[in-house]
Amino acid sequence: MPVTLMRFPPNIRSTCELPAGFKVEPLGSRADVVAMIGEVFPEGDFSDPNRIVLRAEDKPTELAIHGDPVEAIAMQRPGKNVIQALCNRIGCRAIDAATGDLMNFD
């Protein structure tokens, strides 16, 4: 399941609910975002600055960081705990890229 991490207002449940012209708030500079990911997953492979590989929940999760400042992080094959940990640390929300729905961890 591909997932994208971005900043959205708390009352939005789906990208379909975003107003016309909505501009995403950046997650931070590339260096700051990479540092936050490293705080949560220090065992990650950070050798490629554009593609980070985390080894969590016994499977690799690939992260692609977009822009500087970073507007989004694309994730391939993330587990729920990885998604939730990064959302909590970075202060963002997760979108199921297949449906456009924002994920809820309650």
C-alpha atoms as a PDB file:
ATOM      1  CA  MET A   1       0.000   0.000   0.000  1.00  0.00           C
ATOM      2  CA  PRO A   2       1.551   3.318  -1.007  1.00  0.00           C
ATOM      3  CA  VAL A   3       1.149   6.088   1.552  1.00  0.00           C
ATOM      4  CA  THR A   4       1.975   9.790   1.395  1.00  0.00           C
ATOM      5  CA  LEU A   5       2.743  11.952   4.427  1.00  0.00           C
ATOM      6  CA  MET A   6       1.691  15.616   4.238  1.00  0.00           C
ATOM      7  CA  ARG A   7       0.267  18.412   6.388  1.00  0.00           C
ATOM      8  CA  PHE A   8      -3.494  18.836   6.205  1.00  0.00           C
ATOM      9  CA  PRO A   9      -6.071  20.548   8.417  1.00  0.00           C
ATOM     10  CA  PRO A  10      -7.316  18.237  11.205  1.00  0.00           C
ATOM     11  CA  ASN A  11     -10.965  18.313  10.046  1.00  0.00           C
ATOM     12  CA  ILE A  12     -10.198  16.957   6.548  1.00  0.00           C
ATOM     13  CA  ARG A  13     -10.955  13.240   6.058  1.00  0.00           C
ATOM     14  CA  SER A  14     -10.168  12.985   2.353  1.00  0.00           C
ATOM     15  CA  THR A  15      -8.224  14.939  -0.236  1.00  0.00           C
ATOM     16  CA  CYS A  16     -11.598  15.424  -1.989  1.00  0.00           C
ATOM     17  CA  GLU A  17     -12.600  17.768   0.858  1.00  0.00           C
ATOM     18  CA  LEU A  18      -9.727  20.192   0.284  1.00  0.00           C
ATOM     19  CA  PRO A  19     -10.781  23.638  -0.927  1.00  0.00           C
ATOM     20  CA  ALA A  20      -9.803  24.793  -4.406  1.00  0.00           C
ATOM     21  CA  GLY A  21      -6.337  26.320  -4.398  1.00  0.00           C
ATOM     22  CA  PHE A  22      -5.297  24.575  -1.171  1.00  0.00           C
ATOM     23  CA  LYS A  23      -1.553  24.866  -0.595  1.00  0.00           C
ATOM     24  CA  VAL A  24       0.146  22.219   1.526  1.00  0.00           C
ATOM     25  CA  GLU A  25       2.229  23.515   4.433  1.00  0.00           C
ATOM     26  CA  PRO A  26       5.813  22.192   4.180  1.00  0.00           C
ATOM     27  CA  LEU A  27       6.976  19.567   6.668  1.00  0.00           C
ATOM     28  CA  GLY A  28      10.303  21.384   7.094  1.00  0.00           C
ATOM     29  CA  SER A  29      13.627  21.612   5.342  1.00  0.00           C
ATOM     30  CA  ARG A  30      15.009  18.423   3.806  1.00  0.00           C
ATOM     31  CA  ALA A  31      17.756  18.322   6.465  1.00  0.00           C
ATOM     32  CA  ASP A  32      15.239  18.737   9.313  1.00  0.00           C
ATOM     33  CA  VAL A  33      12.881  16.075   7.935  1.00  0.00           C
ATOM     34  CA  VAL A  34      15.719  13.574   7.418  1.00  0.00           C
ATOM     35  CA  ALA A  35      16.913  14.298  10.974  1.00  0.00           C
ATOM     36  CA  MET A  36      13.403  13.665  12.393  1.00  0.00           C
ATOM     37  CA  ILE A  37      13.164  10.370  10.503  1.00  0.00           C
ATOM     38  CA  GLY A  38      16.597   9.440  11.887  1.00  0.00           C
ATOM     39  CA  GLU A  39      15.457  10.188  15.445  1.00  0.00           C
ATOM     40  CA  VAL A  40      12.581   7.725  15.092  1.00  0.00           C
ATOM     41  CA  PHE A  41      14.434   5.133  12.998  1.00  0.00           C
ATOM     42  CA  PRO A  42      18.186   5.522  13.608  1.00  0.00           C
ATOM     43  CA  GLU A  43      18.869   2.121  11.985  1.00  0.00           C
ATOM     44  CA  GLY A  44      17.563   3.375   8.614  1.00  0.00           C
ATOM     45  CA  ASP A  45      19.709   3.481   5.491  1.00  0.00           C
ATOM     46  CA  PHE A  46      20.294   7.184   4.789  1.00  0.00           C
ATOM     47  CA  SER A  47      23.047   6.696   2.183  1.00  0.00           C
ATOM     48  CA  ASP A  48      20.833   8.039  -0.649  1.00  0.00           C
ATOM     49  CA  PRO A  49      19.529  11.519   0.277  1.00  0.00           C
ATOM     50  CA  ASN A  50      16.410  11.085  -1.891  1.00  0.00           C
ATOM     51  CA  ARG A  51      15.494   7.529  -0.858  1.00  0.00           C
ATOM     52  CA  ILE A  52      15.587   6.295   2.722  1.00  0.00           C
ATOM     53  CA  VAL A  53      15.090   2.620   3.553  1.00  0.00           C
ATOM     54  CA  LEU A  54      13.764   1.708   6.989  1.00  0.00           C
ATOM     55  CA  ARG A  55      13.880  -1.813   8.346  1.00  0.00           C
ATOM     56  CA  ALA A  56      10.944  -2.019  10.704  1.00  0.00           C
ATOM     57  CA  GLU A  57       8.350  -4.656  11.397  1.00  0.00           C
ATOM     58  CA  ASP A  58      10.591  -7.205   9.610  1.00  0.00           C
ATOM     59  CA  LYS A  59      10.163  -5.616   6.187  1.00  0.00           C
ATOM     60  CA  PRO A  60      11.800  -2.733   4.337  1.00  0.00           C
ATOM     61  CA  THR A  61       9.906   0.511   3.936  1.00  0.00           C
ATOM     62  CA  GLU A  62      11.102   2.916   1.250  1.00  0.00           C
ATOM     63  CA  LEU A  63      10.665   6.654   1.727  1.00  0.00           C
ATOM     64  CA  ALA A  64      11.045   9.216  -1.054  1.00  0.00           C
ATOM     65  CA  ILE A  65      11.394  12.816   0.107  1.00  0.00           C
ATOM     66  CA  HIS A  66       9.978  15.484  -2.200  1.00  0.00           C
ATOM     67  CA  GLY A  67      11.289  19.046  -2.384  1.00  0.00           C
ATOM     68  CA  ASP A  68      13.211  21.364  -0.128  1.00  0.00           C
ATOM     69  CA  PRO A  69      11.335  22.470   1.831  1.00  0.00           C
ATOM     70  CA  VAL A  70       9.700  19.048   1.945  1.00  0.00           C
ATOM     71  CA  GLU A  71       6.049  19.048   0.935  1.00  0.00           C
ATOM     72  CA  ALA A  72       5.511  15.281   0.998  1.00  0.00           C
ATOM     73  CA  ILE A  73       7.077  11.951   1.841  1.00  0.00           C
ATOM     74  CA  ALA A  74       6.042   8.986  -0.303  1.00  0.00           C
ATOM     75  CA  MET A  75       6.217   5.586   1.390  1.00  0.00           C
ATOM     76  CA  GLN A  76       6.169   2.103  -0.120  1.00  0.00           C
ATOM     77  CA  ARG A  77       5.106  -0.904   1.963  1.00  0.00           C
ATOM     78  CA  PRO A  78       4.926   0.852   5.347  1.00  0.00           C
ATOM     79  CA  GLY A  79       3.519  -0.854   8.401  1.00  0.00           C
ATOM     80  CA  LYS A  80       0.967   0.943  10.561  1.00  0.00           C
ATOM     81  CA  ASN A  81       3.504   1.505  13.356  1.00  0.00           C
ATOM     82  CA  VAL A  82       5.990   3.118  10.939  1.00  0.00           C
ATOM     83  CA  ILE A  83       3.315   5.444   9.548  1.00  0.00           C
ATOM     84  CA  GLN A  84       2.049   6.426  12.984  1.00  0.00           C
ATOM     85  CA  ALA A  85       5.543   6.998  14.427  1.00  0.00           C
ATOM     86  CA  LEU A  86       6.539   9.292  11.552  1.00  0.00           C
ATOM     87  CA  CYS A  87       3.237  11.203  11.627  1.00  0.00           C
ATOM     88  CA  ASN A  88       3.623  11.796  15.363  1.00  0.00           C
ATOM     89  CA  ARG A  89       7.241  12.977  15.088  1.00  0.00           C
ATOM     90  CA  ILE A  90       6.930  15.095  11.952  1.00  0.00           C
ATOM     91  CA  GLY A  91       3.468  16.468  12.735  1.00  0.00           C
ATOM     92  CA  CYS A  92       1.741  15.363   9.554  1.00  0.00           C
ATOM     93  CA  ARG A  93      -1.015  13.082   8.331  1.00  0.00           C
ATOM     94  CA  ALA A  94      -0.967   9.967   6.168  1.00  0.00           C
ATOM     95  CA  ILE A  95      -2.909   9.578   2.945  1.00  0.00           C
ATOM     96  CA  ASP A  96      -3.744   6.219   1.440  1.00  0.00           C
ATOM     97  CA  ALA A  97      -2.435   7.008  -2.043  1.00  0.00           C
ATOM     98  CA  ALA A  98      -4.832   4.512  -3.653  1.00  0.00           C
ATOM     99  CA  THR A  99      -8.025   6.095  -2.276  1.00  0.00           C
ATOM    100  CA  GLY A 100      -7.060   9.648  -1.322  1.00  0.00           C
ATOM    101  CA  ASP A 101      -8.432   9.067   2.175  1.00  0.00           C
ATOM    102  CA  LEU A 102      -6.542  10.319   5.198  1.00  0.00           C
ATOM    103  CA  MET A 103      -5.656   7.539   7.604  1.00  0.00           C
ATOM    104  CA  ASN A 104      -7.018   7.501  11.143  1.00  0.00           C
ATOM    105  CA  PHE A 105      -5.132   5.758  13.943  1.00  0.00           C
ATOM    106  CA  ASP A 106      -7.810   6.026  16.648  1.00  0.00           C
END
